[in-house]
Amino acid sequence: MVMFNTENEGLLTVVKDYQESALKYLWRREEGVGASSRDVWVNVNVDLMGQRTISRASIINFLNYMVDEEILTFHEITGKGGHRRIYKAKYDEEGTKMYLAKRIIAKMIKEWPEATLSAIDSL
């Protein structure tokens, strides 16, 4: 479930600041190279330094949610302590925005077809 906040701008209309930082970290990675939840967590906290810190559990929950939303993919590796997920972005930043826009508009057309199409026509 993606929430849309009309009070914010850019990616912050659909994600929180630390979530945006997590996505940007994954987008910055070399194509095809993923990152563990720990790598993402460390980099998000570096980005937010001085403002606040985010728990690793919050990062893991967000990454798994983005997998469920089909924005991220993952593969598992084994290491100390068992299996770990390595996450990578399914799309680049523009591709992610396009994917989210299509999903939001498609859902609005499904739920409120006349109102949505009328609103789009009036733009």
PDB file of N, CA and C in Angstrom:
ATOM      1  N   MET A   1       0.842  -1.173   0.000  1.00  0.00           N
ATOM      2  CA  MET A   1       0.000   0.000   0.000  1.00  0.00           C
ATOM      3  C   MET A   1       0.891   1.243   0.000  1.00  0.00           C
ATOM      4  N   VAL A   2       0.839   1.998  -1.040  1.00  0.00           N
ATOM      5  CA  VAL A   2       1.596   3.239  -1.138  1.00  0.00           C
ATOM      6  C   VAL A   2       0.682   4.379  -0.723  1.00  0.00           C
ATOM      7  N   MET A   3       1.149   5.189   0.198  1.00  0.00           N
ATOM      8  CA  MET A   3       0.385   6.359   0.642  1.00  0.00           C
ATOM      9  C   MET A   3       0.853   7.565  -0.169  1.00  0.00           C
ATOM     10  N   PHE A   4      -0.056   8.455  -0.489  1.00  0.00           N
ATOM     11  CA  PHE A   4       0.288   9.659  -1.242  1.00  0.00           C
ATOM     12  C   PHE A   4      -0.005  10.873  -0.377  1.00  0.00           C
ATOM     13  N   ASN A   5       1.035  11.646  -0.050  1.00  0.00           N
ATOM     14  CA  ASN A   5       0.919  12.808   0.819  1.00  0.00           C
ATOM     15  C   ASN A   5       1.059  14.074  -0.026  1.00  0.00           C
ATOM     16  N   THR A   6      -0.033  14.769  -0.256  1.00  0.00           N
ATOM     17  CA  THR A   6      -0.012  15.962  -1.109  1.00  0.00           C
ATOM     18  C   THR A   6       0.675  17.154  -0.450  1.00  0.00           C
ATOM     19  N   GLU A   7       1.007  17.050   0.828  1.00  0.00           N
ATOM     20  CA  GLU A   7       1.695  18.144   1.526  1.00  0.00           C
ATOM     21  C   GLU A   7       3.186  18.185   1.187  1.00  0.00           C
ATOM     22  N   ASN A   8       3.749  17.066   0.760  1.00  0.00           N
ATOM     23  CA  ASN A   8       5.182  16.985   0.494  1.00  0.00           C
ATOM     24  C   ASN A   8       5.478  17.117  -0.990  1.00  0.00           C
ATOM     25  N   GLU A   9       6.775  17.112  -1.314  1.00  0.00           N
ATOM     26  CA  GLU A   9       7.207  17.232  -2.704  1.00  0.00           C
ATOM     27  C   GLU A   9       8.118  16.073  -3.076  1.00  0.00           C
ATOM     28  N   GLY A  10       8.218  15.814  -4.368  1.00  0.00           N
ATOM     29  CA  GLY A  10       9.115  14.774  -4.860  1.00  0.00           C
ATOM     30  C   GLY A  10       8.747  13.402  -4.329  1.00  0.00           C
ATOM     31  N   LEU A  11       9.769  12.596  -4.090  1.00  0.00           N
ATOM     32  CA  LEU A  11       9.534  11.248  -3.575  1.00  0.00           C
ATOM     33  C   LEU A  11       8.877  11.254  -2.201  1.00  0.00           C
ATOM     34  N   LEU A  12       9.039  12.355  -1.481  1.00  0.00           N
ATOM     35  CA  LEU A  12       8.455  12.431  -0.140  1.00  0.00           C
ATOM     36  C   LEU A  12       6.932  12.442  -0.166  1.00  0.00           C
ATOM     37  N   THR A  13       6.336  12.520  -1.362  1.00  0.00           N
ATOM     38  CA  THR A  13       4.879  12.376  -1.447  1.00  0.00           C
ATOM     39  C   THR A  13       4.461  10.929  -1.230  1.00  0.00           C
ATOM     40  N   VAL A  14       5.391   9.981  -1.425  1.00  0.00           N
ATOM     41  CA  VAL A  14       5.034   8.562  -1.274  1.00  0.00           C
ATOM     42  C   VAL A  14       5.895   7.795  -0.275  1.00  0.00           C
ATOM     43  N   VAL A  15       7.010   8.360   0.169  1.00  0.00           N
ATOM     44  CA  VAL A  15       7.858   7.701   1.167  1.00  0.00           C
ATOM     45  C   VAL A  15       8.328   8.711   2.207  1.00  0.00           C
ATOM     46  N   LYS A  16       8.832   8.201   3.324  1.00  0.00           N
ATOM     47  CA  LYS A  16       9.396   9.047   4.380  1.00  0.00           C
ATOM     48  C   LYS A  16      10.839   9.381   4.030  1.00  0.00           C
ATOM     49  N   ASP A  17      11.416  10.349   4.756  1.00  0.00           N
ATOM     50  CA  ASP A  17      12.770  10.797   4.442  1.00  0.00           C
ATOM     51  C   ASP A  17      13.803   9.675   4.489  1.00  0.00           C
ATOM     52  N   TYR A  18      13.747   8.826   5.498  1.00  0.00           N
ATOM     53  CA  TYR A  18      14.732   7.748   5.588  1.00  0.00           C
ATOM     54  C   TYR A  18      14.506   6.702   4.494  1.00  0.00           C
ATOM     55  N   GLN A  19      13.265   6.545   4.066  1.00  0.00           N
ATOM     56  CA  GLN A  19      12.956   5.607   2.994  1.00  0.00           C
ATOM     57  C   GLN A  19      13.482   6.134   1.658  1.00  0.00           C
ATOM     58  N   GLU A  20      13.346   7.440   1.453  1.00  0.00           N
ATOM     59  CA  GLU A  20      13.911   8.063   0.255  1.00  0.00           C
ATOM     60  C   GLU A  20      15.423   7.864   0.238  1.00  0.00           C
ATOM     61  N   SER A  21      16.065   8.049   1.381  1.00  0.00           N
ATOM     62  CA  SER A  21      17.506   7.864   1.484  1.00  0.00           C
ATOM     63  C   SER A  21      17.900   6.425   1.152  1.00  0.00           C
ATOM     64  N   ALA A  22      17.113   5.460   1.618  1.00  0.00           N
ATOM     65  CA  ALA A  22      17.386   4.046   1.327  1.00  0.00           C
ATOM     66  C   ALA A  22      17.289   3.772  -0.170  1.00  0.00           C
ATOM     67  N   LEU A  23      16.238   4.285  -0.804  1.00  0.00           N
ATOM     68  CA  LEU A  23      16.085   4.093  -2.246  1.00  0.00           C
ATOM     69  C   LEU A  23      17.228   4.753  -3.009  1.00  0.00           C
ATOM     70  N   LYS A  24      17.587   5.970  -2.631  1.00  0.00           N
ATOM     71  CA  LYS A  24      18.666   6.674  -3.325  1.00  0.00           C
ATOM     72  C   LYS A  24      19.990   5.935  -3.184  1.00  0.00           C
ATOM     73  N   TYR A  25      20.214   5.336  -2.012  1.00  0.00           N
ATOM     74  CA  TYR A  25      21.433   4.534  -1.836  1.00  0.00           C
ATOM     75  C   TYR A  25      21.447   3.362  -2.817  1.00  0.00           C
ATOM     76  N   LEU A  26      20.333   2.668  -2.941  1.00  0.00           N
ATOM     77  CA  LEU A  26      20.274   1.531  -3.867  1.00  0.00           C
ATOM     78  C   LEU A  26      20.403   1.988  -5.317  1.00  0.00           C
ATOM     79  N   TRP A  27      19.839   3.145  -5.653  1.00  0.00           N
ATOM     80  CA  TRP A  27      19.960   3.663  -7.022  1.00  0.00           C
ATOM     81  C   TRP A  27      21.397   4.060  -7.349  1.00  0.00           C
ATOM     82  N   ARG A  28      22.164   4.496  -6.350  1.00  0.00           N
ATOM     83  CA  ARG A  28      23.552   4.916  -6.568  1.00  0.00           C
ATOM     84  C   ARG A  28      24.484   3.736  -6.813  1.00  0.00           C
ATOM     85  N   ARG A  29      24.086   2.566  -6.417  1.00  0.00           N
ATOM     86  CA  ARG A  29      24.944   1.391  -6.541  1.00  0.00           C
ATOM     87  C   ARG A  29      25.156   1.046  -8.016  1.00  0.00           C
ATOM     88  N   GLU A  30      26.269   0.433  -8.282  1.00  0.00           N
ATOM     89  CA  GLU A  30      26.561  -0.018  -9.641  1.00  0.00           C
ATOM     90  C   GLU A  30      25.437  -0.934 -10.108  1.00  0.00           C
ATOM     91  N   GLU A  31      25.088  -0.824 -11.376  1.00  0.00           N
ATOM     92  CA  GLU A  31      23.963  -1.609 -11.899  1.00  0.00           C
ATOM     93  C   GLU A  31      24.164  -3.097 -11.635  1.00  0.00           C
ATOM     94  N   GLY A  32      23.131  -3.716 -11.097  1.00  0.00           N
ATOM     95  CA  GLY A  32      23.173  -5.146 -10.810  1.00  0.00           C
ATOM     96  C   GLY A  32      23.775  -5.510  -9.468  1.00  0.00           C
ATOM     97  N   VAL A  33      24.330  -4.516  -8.764  1.00  0.00           N
ATOM     98  CA  VAL A  33      24.953  -4.784  -7.465  1.00  0.00           C
ATOM     99  C   VAL A  33      23.976  -4.389  -6.367  1.00  0.00           C
ATOM    100  N   GLY A  34      23.652  -5.336  -5.521  1.00  0.00           N
ATOM    101  CA  GLY A  34      22.709  -5.080  -4.442  1.00  0.00           C
ATOM    102  C   GLY A  34      23.412  -4.712  -3.153  1.00  0.00           C
ATOM    103  N   ALA A  35      22.624  -4.634  -2.089  1.00  0.00           N
ATOM    104  CA  ALA A  35      23.150  -4.280  -0.772  1.00  0.00           C
ATOM    105  C   ALA A  35      22.349  -5.011   0.297  1.00  0.00           C
ATOM    106  N   SER A  36      23.022  -5.337   1.381  1.00  0.00           N
ATOM    107  CA  SER A  36      22.344  -5.969   2.509  1.00  0.00           C
ATOM    108  C   SER A  36      21.563  -4.913   3.286  1.00  0.00           C
ATOM    109  N   SER A  37      20.666  -5.366   4.131  1.00  0.00           N
ATOM    110  CA  SER A  37      19.917  -4.418   4.967  1.00  0.00           C
ATOM    111  C   SER A  37      20.876  -3.635   5.855  1.00  0.00           C
ATOM    112  N   ARG A  38      21.961  -4.279   6.287  1.00  0.00           N
ATOM    113  CA  ARG A  38      22.942  -3.583   7.118  1.00  0.00           C
ATOM    114  C   ARG A  38      23.600  -2.447   6.345  1.00  0.00           C
ATOM    115  N   ASP A  39      24.008  -2.709   5.106  1.00  0.00           N
ATOM    116  CA  ASP A  39      24.618  -1.663   4.270  1.00  0.00           C
ATOM    117  C   ASP A  39      23.664  -0.487   4.094  1.00  0.00           C
ATOM    118  N   VAL A  40      22.409  -0.788   3.801  1.00  0.00           N
ATOM    119  CA  VAL A  40      21.406   0.265   3.614  1.00  0.00           C
ATOM    120  C   VAL A  40      21.229   1.031   4.915  1.00  0.00           C
ATOM    121  N   TRP A  41      21.097   0.334   6.015  1.00  0.00           N
ATOM    122  CA  TRP A  41      20.900   0.940   7.335  1.00  0.00           C
ATOM    123  C   TRP A  41      22.045   1.892   7.686  1.00  0.00           C
ATOM    124  N   VAL A  42      23.289   1.443   7.490  1.00  0.00           N
ATOM    125  CA  VAL A  42      24.452   2.285   7.790  1.00  0.00           C
ATOM    126  C   VAL A  42      24.414   3.549   6.941  1.00  0.00           C
ATOM    127  N   ASN A  43      24.165   3.416   5.646  1.00  0.00           N
ATOM    128  CA  ASN A  43      24.169   4.572   4.752  1.00  0.00           C
ATOM    129  C   ASN A  43      23.019   5.530   5.017  1.00  0.00           C
ATOM    130  N   VAL A  44      21.858   5.021   5.372  1.00  0.00           N
ATOM    131  CA  VAL A  44      20.729   5.892   5.717  1.00  0.00           C
ATOM    132  C   VAL A  44      21.074   6.706   6.957  1.00  0.00           C
ATOM    133  N   ASN A  45      21.662   6.072   7.960  1.00  0.00           N
ATOM    134  CA  ASN A  45      22.006   6.802   9.177  1.00  0.00           C
ATOM    135  C   ASN A  45      23.115   7.817   8.945  1.00  0.00           C
ATOM    136  N   VAL A  46      24.017   7.550   8.000  1.00  0.00           N
ATOM    137  CA  VAL A  46      25.021   8.548   7.619  1.00  0.00           C
ATOM    138  C   VAL A  46      24.324   9.736   6.959  1.00  0.00           C
ATOM    139  N   ASP A  47      23.393   9.460   6.046  1.00  0.00           N
ATOM    140  CA  ASP A  47      22.651  10.534   5.371  1.00  0.00           C
ATOM    141  C   ASP A  47      21.876  11.398   6.360  1.00  0.00           C
ATOM    142  N   LEU A  48      21.335  10.779   7.402  1.00  0.00           N
ATOM    143  CA  LEU A  48      20.503  11.502   8.371  1.00  0.00           C
ATOM    144  C   LEU A  48      21.295  12.000   9.571  1.00  0.00           C
ATOM    145  N   MET A  49      22.615  11.893   9.521  1.00  0.00           N
ATOM    146  CA  MET A  49      23.440  12.257  10.662  1.00  0.00           C
ATOM    147  C   MET A  49      23.104  13.659  11.168  1.00  0.00           C
ATOM    148  N   GLY A  50      22.958  13.764  12.455  1.00  0.00           N
ATOM    149  CA  GLY A  50      22.643  15.046  13.065  1.00  0.00           C
ATOM    150  C   GLY A  50      21.161  15.305  13.185  1.00  0.00           C
ATOM    151  N   GLN A  51      20.348  14.620  12.400  1.00  0.00           N
ATOM    152  CA  GLN A  51      18.902  14.801  12.465  1.00  0.00           C
ATOM    153  C   GLN A  51      18.280  13.775  13.396  1.00  0.00           C
ATOM    154  N   ARG A  52      18.537  12.502  13.115  1.00  0.00           N
ATOM    155  CA  ARG A  52      18.015  11.396  13.921  1.00  0.00           C
ATOM    156  C   ARG A  52      18.623  10.104  13.419  1.00  0.00           C
ATOM    157  N   THR A  53      18.321   9.010  14.103  1.00  0.00           N
ATOM    158  CA  THR A  53      18.768   7.701  13.642  1.00  0.00           C
ATOM    159  C   THR A  53      17.547   6.828  13.385  1.00  0.00           C
ATOM    160  N   ILE A  54      17.721   5.870  12.521  1.00  0.00           N
ATOM    161  CA  ILE A  54      16.648   4.950  12.148  1.00  0.00           C
ATOM    162  C   ILE A  54      17.085   3.547  12.558  1.00  0.00           C
ATOM    163  N   SER A  55      16.164   2.778  13.104  1.00  0.00           N
ATOM    164  CA  SER A  55      16.487   1.415  13.519  1.00  0.00           C
ATOM    165  C   SER A  55      16.674   0.515  12.301  1.00  0.00           C
ATOM    166  N   ARG A  56      17.462  -0.522  12.500  1.00  0.00           N
ATOM    167  CA  ARG A  56      17.658  -1.483  11.419  1.00  0.00           C
ATOM    168  C   ARG A  56      16.352  -2.193  11.099  1.00  0.00           C
ATOM    169  N   ALA A  57      15.527  -2.430  12.113  1.00  0.00           N
ATOM    170  CA  ALA A  57      14.226  -3.078  11.882  1.00  0.00           C
ATOM    171  C   ALA A  57      13.363  -2.241  10.942  1.00  0.00           C
ATOM    172  N   SER A  58      13.388  -0.913  11.101  1.00  0.00           N
ATOM    173  CA  SER A  58      12.613  -0.039  10.209  1.00  0.00           C
ATOM    174  C   SER A  58      13.104  -0.166   8.774  1.00  0.00           C
ATOM    175  N   ILE A  59      14.418  -0.258   8.606  1.00  0.00           N
ATOM    176  CA  ILE A  59      14.991  -0.412   7.267  1.00  0.00           C
ATOM    177  C   ILE A  59      14.587  -1.760   6.675  1.00  0.00           C
ATOM    178  N   ILE A  60      14.707  -2.827   7.456  1.00  0.00           N
ATOM    179  CA  ILE A  60      14.346  -4.160   6.969  1.00  0.00           C
ATOM    180  C   ILE A  60      12.872  -4.201   6.584  1.00  0.00           C
ATOM    181  N   ASN A  61      12.010  -3.653   7.431  1.00  0.00           N
ATOM    182  CA  ASN A  61      10.573  -3.635   7.120  1.00  0.00           C
ATOM    183  C   ASN A  61      10.301  -2.870   5.833  1.00  0.00           C
ATOM    184  N   PHE A  62      10.960  -1.717   5.650  1.00  0.00           N
ATOM    185  CA  PHE A  62      10.766  -0.927   4.437  1.00  0.00           C
ATOM    186  C   PHE A  62      11.261  -1.686   3.208  1.00  0.00           C
ATOM    187  N   LEU A  63      12.450  -2.266   3.286  1.00  0.00           N
ATOM    188  CA  LEU A  63      12.996  -2.996   2.141  1.00  0.00           C
ATOM    189  C   LEU A  63      12.087  -4.158   1.751  1.00  0.00           C
ATOM    190  N   ASN A  64      11.605  -4.897   2.732  1.00  0.00           N
ATOM    191  CA  ASN A  64      10.703  -6.016   2.433  1.00  0.00           C
ATOM    192  C   ASN A  64       9.381  -5.526   1.857  1.00  0.00           C
ATOM    193  N   TYR A  65       8.903  -4.394   2.343  1.00  0.00           N
ATOM    194  CA  TYR A  65       7.680  -3.796   1.805  1.00  0.00           C
ATOM    195  C   TYR A  65       7.882  -3.405   0.340  1.00  0.00           C
ATOM    196  N   MET A  66       9.035  -2.841   0.023  1.00  0.00           N
ATOM    197  CA  MET A  66       9.331  -2.454  -1.357  1.00  0.00           C
ATOM    198  C   MET A  66       9.464  -3.681  -2.263  1.00  0.00           C
ATOM    199  N   VAL A  67       9.913  -4.803  -1.712  1.00  0.00           N
ATOM    200  CA  VAL A  67       9.917  -6.059  -2.472  1.00  0.00           C
ATOM    201  C   VAL A  67       8.476  -6.465  -2.759  1.00  0.00           C
ATOM    202  N   ASP A  68       7.621  -6.398  -1.735  1.00  0.00           N
ATOM    203  CA  ASP A  68       6.203  -6.749  -1.912  1.00  0.00           C
ATOM    204  C   ASP A  68       5.523  -5.847  -2.937  1.00  0.00           C
ATOM    205  N   GLU A  69       5.928  -4.576  -2.984  1.00  0.00           N
ATOM    206  CA  GLU A  69       5.362  -3.614  -3.933  1.00  0.00           C
ATOM    207  C   GLU A  69       6.008  -3.719  -5.318  1.00  0.00           C
ATOM    208  N   GLU A  70       6.963  -4.637  -5.465  1.00  0.00           N
ATOM    209  CA  GLU A  70       7.663  -4.895  -6.727  1.00  0.00           C
ATOM    210  C   GLU A  70       8.526  -3.728  -7.198  1.00  0.00           C
ATOM    211  N   ILE A  71       9.063  -2.976  -6.238  1.00  0.00           N
ATOM    212  CA  ILE A  71       9.973  -1.871  -6.541  1.00  0.00           C
ATOM    213  C   ILE A  71      11.420  -2.317  -6.348  1.00  0.00           C
ATOM    214  N   LEU A  72      11.631  -3.251  -5.426  1.00  0.00           N
ATOM    215  CA  LEU A  72      12.943  -3.842  -5.198  1.00  0.00           C
ATOM    216  C   LEU A  72      12.868  -5.342  -5.467  1.00  0.00           C
ATOM    217  N   THR A  73      14.031  -5.924  -5.731  1.00  0.00           N
ATOM    218  CA  THR A  73      14.153  -7.377  -5.821  1.00  0.00           C
ATOM    219  C   THR A  73      15.198  -7.803  -4.797  1.00  0.00           C
ATOM    220  N   PHE A  74      15.331  -9.092  -4.589  1.00  0.00           N
ATOM    221  CA  PHE A  74      16.359  -9.579  -3.678  1.00  0.00           C
ATOM    222  C   PHE A  74      16.794 -10.978  -4.084  1.00  0.00           C
ATOM    223  N   HIS A  75      17.960 -11.349  -3.605  1.00  0.00           N
ATOM    224  CA  HIS A  75      18.389 -12.743  -3.636  1.00  0.00           C
ATOM    225  C   HIS A  75      19.010 -13.036  -2.279  1.00  0.00           C
ATOM    226  N   GLU A  76      19.032 -14.294  -1.916  1.00  0.00           N
ATOM    227  CA  GLU A  76      19.557 -14.662  -0.607  1.00  0.00           C
ATOM    228  C   GLU A  76      20.966 -15.212  -0.729  1.00  0.00           C
ATOM    229  N   ILE A  77      21.775 -14.887   0.274  1.00  0.00           N
ATOM    230  CA  ILE A  77      23.104 -15.469   0.397  1.00  0.00           C
ATOM    231  C   ILE A  77      23.198 -16.085   1.787  1.00  0.00           C
ATOM    232  N   THR A  78      24.134 -16.993   1.942  1.00  0.00           N
ATOM    233  CA  THR A  78      24.346 -17.571   3.265  1.00  0.00           C
ATOM    234  C   THR A  78      25.626 -17.004   3.844  1.00  0.00           C
ATOM    235  N   GLY A  79      25.626 -16.848   5.125  1.00  0.00           N
ATOM    236  CA  GLY A  79      26.783 -16.323   5.829  1.00  0.00           C
ATOM    237  C   GLY A  79      26.656 -16.679   7.289  1.00  0.00           C
ATOM    238  N   LYS A  80      27.427 -16.009   8.112  1.00  0.00           N
ATOM    239  CA  LYS A  80      27.322 -16.247   9.552  1.00  0.00           C
ATOM    240  C   LYS A  80      25.889 -16.006   9.995  1.00  0.00           C
ATOM    241  N   GLY A  81      25.344 -16.932  10.714  1.00  0.00           N
ATOM    242  CA  GLY A  81      23.996 -16.736  11.238  1.00  0.00           C
ATOM    243  C   GLY A  81      22.880 -17.132  10.295  1.00  0.00           C
ATOM    244  N   GLY A  82      23.209 -17.630   9.117  1.00  0.00           N
ATOM    245  CA  GLY A  82      22.152 -18.095   8.225  1.00  0.00           C
ATOM    246  C   GLY A  82      22.030 -17.304   6.937  1.00  0.00           C
ATOM    247  N   HIS A  83      20.797 -17.169   6.471  1.00  0.00           N
ATOM    248  CA  HIS A  83      20.511 -16.524   5.187  1.00  0.00           C
ATOM    249  C   HIS A  83      20.355 -15.015   5.357  1.00  0.00           C
ATOM    250  N   ARG A  84      20.821 -14.278   4.350  1.00  0.00           N
ATOM    251  CA  ARG A  84      20.629 -12.827   4.315  1.00  0.00           C
ATOM    252  C   ARG A  84      20.111 -12.439   2.952  1.00  0.00           C
ATOM    253  N   ARG A  85      19.277 -11.421   2.946  1.00  0.00           N
ATOM    254  CA  ARG A  85      18.778 -10.888   1.676  1.00  0.00           C
ATOM    255  C   ARG A  85      19.711  -9.793   1.176  1.00  0.00           C
ATOM    256  N   ILE A  86      19.950  -9.812  -0.118  1.00  0.00           N
ATOM    257  CA  ILE A  86      20.673  -8.738  -0.794  1.00  0.00           C
ATOM    258  C   ILE A  86      19.652  -8.062  -1.702  1.00  0.00           C
ATOM    259  N   TYR A  87      19.390  -6.798  -1.432  1.00  0.00           N
ATOM    260  CA  TYR A  87      18.347  -6.043  -2.132  1.00  0.00           C
ATOM    261  C   TYR A  87      18.954  -5.226  -3.262  1.00  0.00           C
ATOM    262  N   LYS A  88      18.193  -5.090  -4.334  1.00  0.00           N
ATOM    263  CA  LYS A  88      18.597  -4.153  -5.386  1.00  0.00           C
ATOM    264  C   LYS A  88      17.348  -3.546  -6.009  1.00  0.00           C
ATOM    265  N   ALA A  89      17.529  -2.376  -6.576  1.00  0.00           N
ATOM    266  CA  ALA A  89      16.414  -1.653  -7.188  1.00  0.00           C
ATOM    267  C   ALA A  89      16.018  -2.337  -8.490  1.00  0.00           C
ATOM    268  N   LYS A  90      14.730  -2.503  -8.677  1.00  0.00           N
ATOM    269  CA  LYS A  90      14.212  -3.079  -9.922  1.00  0.00           C
ATOM    270  C   LYS A  90      14.246  -2.031 -11.034  1.00  0.00           C
ATOM    271  N   TYR A  91      14.083  -0.771 -10.652  1.00  0.00           N
ATOM    272  CA  TYR A  91      14.061   0.349 -11.599  1.00  0.00           C
ATOM    273  C   TYR A  91      15.031   1.421 -11.118  1.00  0.00           C
ATOM    274  N   ASP A  92      15.452   2.306 -12.022  1.00  0.00           N
ATOM    275  CA  ASP A  92      16.191   3.489 -11.597  1.00  0.00           C
ATOM    276  C   ASP A  92      15.185   4.493 -11.029  1.00  0.00           C
ATOM    277  N   GLU A  93      15.656   5.674 -10.656  1.00  0.00           N
ATOM    278  CA  GLU A  93      14.756   6.648 -10.020  1.00  0.00           C
ATOM    279  C   GLU A  93      13.579   7.012 -10.920  1.00  0.00           C
ATOM    280  N   GLU A  94      13.843   7.317 -12.177  1.00  0.00           N
ATOM    281  CA  GLU A  94      12.752   7.688 -13.087  1.00  0.00           C
ATOM    282  C   GLU A  94      11.805   6.519 -13.322  1.00  0.00           C
ATOM    283  N   GLY A  95      12.362   5.331 -13.454  1.00  0.00           N
ATOM    284  CA  GLY A  95      11.535   4.145 -13.634  1.00  0.00           C
ATOM    285  C   GLY A  95      10.641   3.880 -12.435  1.00  0.00           C
ATOM    286  N   THR A  96      11.172   4.121 -11.237  1.00  0.00           N
ATOM    287  CA  THR A  96      10.384   3.947 -10.014  1.00  0.00           C
ATOM    288  C   THR A  96       9.235   4.942  -9.977  1.00  0.00           C
ATOM    289  N   LYS A  97       9.523   6.184 -10.329  1.00  0.00           N
ATOM    290  CA  LYS A  97       8.462   7.202 -10.345  1.00  0.00           C
ATOM    291  C   LYS A  97       7.370   6.832 -11.351  1.00  0.00           C
ATOM    292  N   MET A  98       7.774   6.364 -12.525  1.00  0.00           N
ATOM    293  CA  MET A  98       6.816   5.956 -13.554  1.00  0.00           C
ATOM    294  C   MET A  98       5.975   4.777 -13.054  1.00  0.00           C
ATOM    295  N   TYR A  99       6.620   3.800 -12.453  1.00  0.00           N
ATOM    296  CA  TYR A  99       5.918   2.625 -11.930  1.00  0.00           C
ATOM    297  C   TYR A  99       4.886   3.035 -10.878  1.00  0.00           C
ATOM    298  N   LEU A 100       5.294   3.893  -9.943  1.00  0.00           N
ATOM    299  CA  LEU A 100       4.368   4.337  -8.896  1.00  0.00           C
ATOM    300  C   LEU A 100       3.220   5.151  -9.474  1.00  0.00           C
ATOM    301  N   ALA A 101       3.525   6.041 -10.412  1.00  0.00           N
ATOM    302  CA  ALA A 101       2.470   6.851 -11.030  1.00  0.00           C
ATOM    303  C   ALA A 101       1.447   5.961 -11.728  1.00  0.00           C
ATOM    304  N   LYS A 102       1.923   4.970 -12.472  1.00  0.00           N
ATOM    305  CA  LYS A 102       1.005   4.055 -13.161  1.00  0.00           C
ATOM    306  C   LYS A 102       0.130   3.296 -12.170  1.00  0.00           C
ATOM    307  N   ARG A 103       0.737   2.821 -11.089  1.00  0.00           N
ATOM    308  CA  ARG A 103      -0.046   2.063 -10.095  1.00  0.00           C
ATOM    309  C   ARG A 103      -1.089   2.937  -9.420  1.00  0.00           C
ATOM    310  N   ILE A 104      -0.709   4.155  -9.066  1.00  0.00           N
ATOM    311  CA  ILE A 104      -1.648   5.058  -8.390  1.00  0.00           C
ATOM    312  C   ILE A 104      -2.793   5.426  -9.327  1.00  0.00           C
ATOM    313  N   ILE A 105      -2.466   5.804 -10.561  1.00  0.00           N
ATOM    314  CA  ILE A 105      -3.504   6.198 -11.522  1.00  0.00           C
ATOM    315  C   ILE A 105      -4.406   5.014 -11.859  1.00  0.00           C
ATOM    316  N   ALA A 106      -3.824   3.835 -12.077  1.00  0.00           N
ATOM    317  CA  ALA A 106      -4.635   2.653 -12.397  1.00  0.00           C
ATOM    318  C   ALA A 106      -5.608   2.331 -11.267  1.00  0.00           C
ATOM    319  N   LYS A 107      -5.146   2.444 -10.032  1.00  0.00           N
ATOM    320  CA  LYS A 107      -6.028   2.168  -8.892  1.00  0.00           C
ATOM    321  C   LYS A 107      -7.133   3.215  -8.797  1.00  0.00           C
ATOM    322  N   MET A 108      -6.800   4.465  -9.042  1.00  0.00           N
ATOM    323  CA  MET A 108      -7.817   5.518  -9.000  1.00  0.00           C
ATOM    324  C   MET A 108      -8.854   5.313 -10.100  1.00  0.00           C
ATOM    325  N   ILE A 109      -8.413   4.924 -11.290  1.00  0.00           N
ATOM    326  CA  ILE A 109      -9.357   4.668 -12.384  1.00  0.00           C
ATOM    327  C   ILE A 109     -10.258   3.488 -12.036  1.00  0.00           C
ATOM    328  N   LYS A 110      -9.692   2.477 -11.402  1.00  0.00           N
ATOM    329  CA  LYS A 110     -10.493   1.313 -11.008  1.00  0.00           C
ATOM    330  C   LYS A 110     -11.539   1.687  -9.955  1.00  0.00           C
ATOM    331  N   GLU A 111     -11.139   2.481  -8.965  1.00  0.00           N
ATOM    332  CA  GLU A 111     -12.030   2.805  -7.847  1.00  0.00           C
ATOM    333  C   GLU A 111     -12.994   3.949  -8.162  1.00  0.00           C
ATOM    334  N   TRP A 112     -12.514   4.971  -8.847  1.00  0.00           N
ATOM    335  CA  TRP A 112     -13.322   6.160  -9.169  1.00  0.00           C
ATOM    336  C   TRP A 112     -13.157   6.487 -10.649  1.00  0.00           C
ATOM    337  N   PRO A 113     -13.642   5.663 -11.547  1.00  0.00           N
ATOM    338  CA  PRO A 113     -13.351   5.851 -12.972  1.00  0.00           C
ATOM    339  C   PRO A 113     -13.787   7.202 -13.526  1.00  0.00           C
ATOM    340  N   GLU A 114     -15.022   7.581 -13.305  1.00  0.00           N
ATOM    341  CA  GLU A 114     -15.509   8.838 -13.887  1.00  0.00           C
ATOM    342  C   GLU A 114     -14.782  10.041 -13.316  1.00  0.00           C
ATOM    343  N   ALA A 115     -14.661  10.104 -12.005  1.00  0.00           N
ATOM    344  CA  ALA A 115     -14.008  11.247 -11.362  1.00  0.00           C
ATOM    345  C   ALA A 115     -12.541  11.346 -11.770  1.00  0.00           C
ATOM    346  N   THR A 116     -11.859  10.216 -11.827  1.00  0.00           N
ATOM    347  CA  THR A 116     -10.438  10.224 -12.178  1.00  0.00           C
ATOM    348  C   THR A 116     -10.227  10.659 -13.622  1.00  0.00           C
ATOM    349  N   LEU A 117     -10.978  10.073 -14.541  1.00  0.00           N
ATOM    350  CA  LEU A 117     -10.820  10.437 -15.953  1.00  0.00           C
ATOM    351  C   LEU A 117     -11.211  11.884 -16.202  1.00  0.00           C
ATOM    352  N   SER A 118     -12.237  12.356 -15.516  1.00  0.00           N
ATOM    353  CA  SER A 118     -12.640  13.754 -15.635  1.00  0.00           C
ATOM    354  C   SER A 118     -11.539  14.678 -15.107  1.00  0.00           C
ATOM    355  N   ALA A 119     -10.947  14.309 -13.983  1.00  0.00           N
ATOM    356  CA  ALA A 119      -9.861  15.116 -13.415  1.00  0.00           C
ATOM    357  C   ALA A 119      -8.657  15.142 -14.350  1.00  0.00           C
ATOM    358  N   ILE A 120      -8.323  14.002 -14.946  1.00  0.00           N
ATOM    359  CA  ILE A 120      -7.194  13.944 -15.882  1.00  0.00           C
ATOM    360  C   ILE A 120      -7.478  14.810 -17.105  1.00  0.00           C
ATOM    361  N   ASP A 121      -8.703  14.746 -17.622  1.00  0.00           N
ATOM    362  CA  ASP A 121      -9.075  15.567 -18.781  1.00  0.00           C
ATOM    363  C   ASP A 121      -8.991  17.056 -18.477  1.00  0.00           C
ATOM    364  N   SER A 122      -9.239  17.432 -17.232  1.00  0.00           N
ATOM    365  CA  SER A 122      -9.255  18.853 -16.882  1.00  0.00           C
ATOM    366  C   SER A 122      -7.862  19.423 -16.620  1.00  0.00           C
ATOM    367  N   LEU A 123      -6.845  18.593 -16.628  1.00  0.00           N
ATOM    368  CA  LEU A 123      -5.477  19.080 -16.361  1.00  0.00           C
ATOM    369  C   LEU A 123      -4.908  19.866 -17.509  1.00  0.00           C
TER     370      LEU A 123
END
